[in-house]
Amino acid sequence: MIKVLFVCLGNICRSPMAEYLLKDKVKKLNIDDNFYIESAGTSEEENGNEVHYGTKKILNNLNIDCSKKRARKMTKEDYDNFDYIICMEKSNIYHINRIVIDKDHKVFRLLDFTGNQRDISDPWYTHNFEKCYQDIDEGINAFIKYLGY
């Protein structure tokens, strides 16, 4: 089983979008039994909150339900429980390194799996959820290919 944790700052925009997009893609590829997928944030300021309406709108348009998702902060135990900890930007990696030491080299940026390595802008600030979706979709497709599917 491949265990994937997506991480962003608050766990209400980017990381839940990545979580639910990957869940949807592996289900459509009929390989979902091979995966366990979650998301978390590096901050606890959004703990318990629902997914941001901008992310919900994108996912709803794709017929993906994220209504049960609640934001949570990444824990030290997450590092031991997941094979891949995939961030949206370099600052997420910095904050993860304040929670755990990446001794097993599990921490990546999502777009590091593509030929176009860069951060995924936070739509909380940019308000551009469509661009966020396009970047995450590109990264998810590259990650699936990286895994050999």
Protein backbone atom coordinates (compact mmCIF):
# COMPACT_ATOMS: atom_id res chain seq x y z
CA MET A 1 0.00 0.00 0.00
CA ILE A 2 1.30 3.45 -0.98
CA LYS A 3 0.50 6.00 1.72
CA VAL A 4 0.42 9.63 0.58
CA LEU A 5 -0.01 12.75 2.70
CA PHE A 6 -0.49 16.07 0.89
CA VAL A 7 0.51 19.15 2.88
CA CYS A 8 -0.09 22.88 2.52
CA LEU A 9 -0.36 25.70 5.05
CA GLY A 10 -3.92 25.47 6.38
CA ASN A 11 -5.27 22.25 4.82
CA ILE A 12 -8.33 23.96 3.35
CA CYS A 13 -7.31 24.79 -0.25
CA ARG A 14 -4.40 23.07 -2.00
CA SER A 15 -3.74 19.90 -0.02
CA PRO A 16 -7.40 18.79 0.12
CA MET A 17 -7.67 19.50 -3.61
CA ALA A 18 -4.66 17.24 -4.20
CA GLU A 19 -5.99 14.59 -1.79
CA TYR A 20 -9.35 14.32 -3.51
CA LEU A 21 -7.97 14.58 -7.04
CA LEU A 22 -5.56 11.71 -6.41
CA LYS A 23 -8.30 9.64 -4.76
CA ASP A 24 -10.50 10.22 -7.81
CA LYS A 25 -7.76 9.40 -10.33
CA VAL A 26 -6.64 6.17 -8.65
CA LYS A 27 -10.27 5.08 -8.37
CA LYS A 28 -10.81 5.70 -12.09
CA LEU A 29 -7.62 3.74 -12.84
CA ASN A 30 -8.96 0.93 -10.62
CA ILE A 31 -5.83 1.03 -8.44
CA ASP A 32 -7.39 2.67 -5.38
CA ASP A 33 -6.83 -0.48 -3.28
CA ASN A 34 -3.10 0.26 -3.59
CA PHE A 35 -3.38 3.69 -1.95
CA TYR A 36 -4.13 5.40 1.32
CA ILE A 37 -4.40 9.17 0.82
CA GLU A 38 -4.90 12.06 3.28
CA SER A 39 -3.97 15.71 3.64
CA ALA A 40 -2.87 18.03 6.44
CA GLY A 41 -1.51 21.51 7.07
CA THR A 42 1.59 22.88 8.72
CA SER A 43 -0.52 25.32 10.72
CA GLU A 44 -3.34 24.65 13.14
CA GLU A 45 -5.16 27.92 12.44
CA GLU A 46 -7.77 26.17 10.26
CA ASN A 47 -8.10 22.97 12.36
CA GLY A 48 -11.61 21.57 12.12
CA ASN A 49 -12.67 23.88 9.29
CA GLU A 50 -14.25 22.68 6.07
CA VAL A 51 -12.55 22.83 2.69
CA HIS A 52 -12.45 26.37 1.25
CA TYR A 53 -15.42 27.15 -1.04
CA GLY A 54 -13.06 27.78 -3.99
CA THR A 55 -11.64 24.27 -3.72
CA LYS A 56 -15.12 22.83 -3.14
CA LYS A 57 -16.34 24.51 -6.32
CA ILE A 58 -13.52 22.98 -8.40
CA LEU A 59 -14.07 19.53 -6.91
CA ASN A 60 -17.87 19.74 -7.19
CA ASN A 61 -17.52 20.60 -10.89
CA LEU A 62 -15.56 17.35 -11.23
CA ASN A 63 -18.25 15.44 -9.28
CA ILE A 64 -15.85 14.87 -6.38
CA ASP A 65 -17.32 15.12 -2.89
CA CYS A 66 -15.08 16.54 -0.15
CA SER A 67 -17.84 17.47 2.30
CA LYS A 68 -16.52 15.27 5.11
CA LYS A 69 -12.98 16.70 5.03
CA ARG A 70 -11.91 18.82 8.01
CA ALA A 71 -8.58 20.60 8.27
CA ARG A 72 -5.92 19.21 10.56
CA LYS A 73 -2.28 19.86 11.34
CA MET A 74 0.44 17.41 10.37
CA THR A 75 1.86 15.44 13.30
CA LYS A 76 5.16 13.69 14.00
CA GLU A 77 3.28 10.39 13.72
CA ASP A 78 2.27 11.26 10.15
CA TYR A 79 5.91 11.12 9.15
CA ASP A 80 6.13 7.49 10.30
CA ASN A 81 2.75 6.53 8.83
CA PHE A 82 3.15 7.87 5.27
CA ASP A 83 5.51 6.93 2.43
CA TYR A 84 5.22 10.26 0.61
CA ILE A 85 4.67 13.67 2.18
CA ILE A 86 3.95 15.94 -0.74
CA CYS A 87 3.93 19.69 -0.28
CA MET A 88 2.69 22.52 -2.44
CA GLU A 89 5.58 24.95 -1.94
CA LYS A 90 9.03 25.36 -0.40
CA SER A 91 7.67 27.13 2.68
CA ASN A 92 5.62 24.01 3.48
CA ILE A 93 8.83 22.00 3.49
CA TYR A 94 10.44 24.53 5.81
CA HIS A 95 7.53 24.23 8.26
CA ILE A 96 7.50 20.42 8.03
CA ASN A 97 11.16 20.46 8.98
CA ARG A 98 10.13 22.24 12.18
CA ILE A 99 7.78 19.33 12.97
CA VAL A 100 10.00 16.38 11.90
CA ILE A 101 13.43 15.60 10.53
CA ASP A 102 13.13 14.17 7.02
CA LYS A 103 15.67 11.42 7.65
CA ASP A 104 14.00 9.04 5.17
CA HIS A 105 13.66 11.64 2.37
CA LYS A 106 9.86 11.37 2.18
CA VAL A 107 9.16 15.09 1.69
CA PHE A 108 8.65 16.41 -1.86
CA ARG A 109 6.98 19.31 -3.63
CA LEU A 110 4.19 18.09 -5.87
CA LEU A 111 5.54 19.78 -8.98
CA ASP A 112 8.99 18.24 -8.39
CA PHE A 113 7.55 15.17 -10.13
CA THR A 114 7.06 17.21 -13.33
CA GLY A 115 9.58 18.65 -15.75
CA ASN A 116 8.46 22.10 -14.60
CA GLN A 117 9.50 22.26 -10.94
CA ARG A 118 7.93 25.18 -9.10
CA ASP A 119 5.70 26.09 -6.17
CA ILE A 120 1.91 25.96 -6.40
CA SER A 121 0.59 29.39 -5.46
CA ASP A 122 -1.80 29.58 -2.53
CA PRO A 123 -5.28 30.44 -3.88
CA TRP A 124 -6.21 31.79 -0.44
CA TYR A 125 -4.09 34.79 -1.47
CA THR A 126 -4.25 34.69 -5.29
CA HIS A 127 -7.95 33.73 -5.50
CA ASN A 128 -7.00 31.76 -8.63
CA PHE A 129 -8.38 28.31 -7.83
CA GLU A 130 -8.43 27.33 -11.50
CA LYS A 131 -4.65 27.85 -11.83
CA CYS A 132 -4.19 25.96 -8.57
CA TYR A 133 -6.26 23.09 -9.97
CA GLN A 134 -4.25 23.03 -13.22
CA ASP A 135 -0.95 22.89 -11.31
CA ILE A 136 -2.17 20.19 -8.93
CA ASP A 137 -3.61 18.14 -11.78
CA GLU A 138 -0.26 18.35 -13.60
CA GLY A 139 1.56 17.25 -10.45
CA ILE A 140 -0.84 14.40 -9.69
CA ASN A 141 -0.53 13.03 -13.22
CA ALA A 142 3.27 13.19 -12.99
CA PHE A 143 3.23 11.54 -9.55
CA ILE A 144 1.08 8.65 -10.83
CA LYS A 145 3.52 8.22 -13.73
CA TYR A 146 6.48 8.40 -11.31
CA LEU A 147 4.92 5.51 -9.35
CA GLY A 148 4.72 3.45 -12.55
CA TYR A 149 0.98 3.56 -13.19
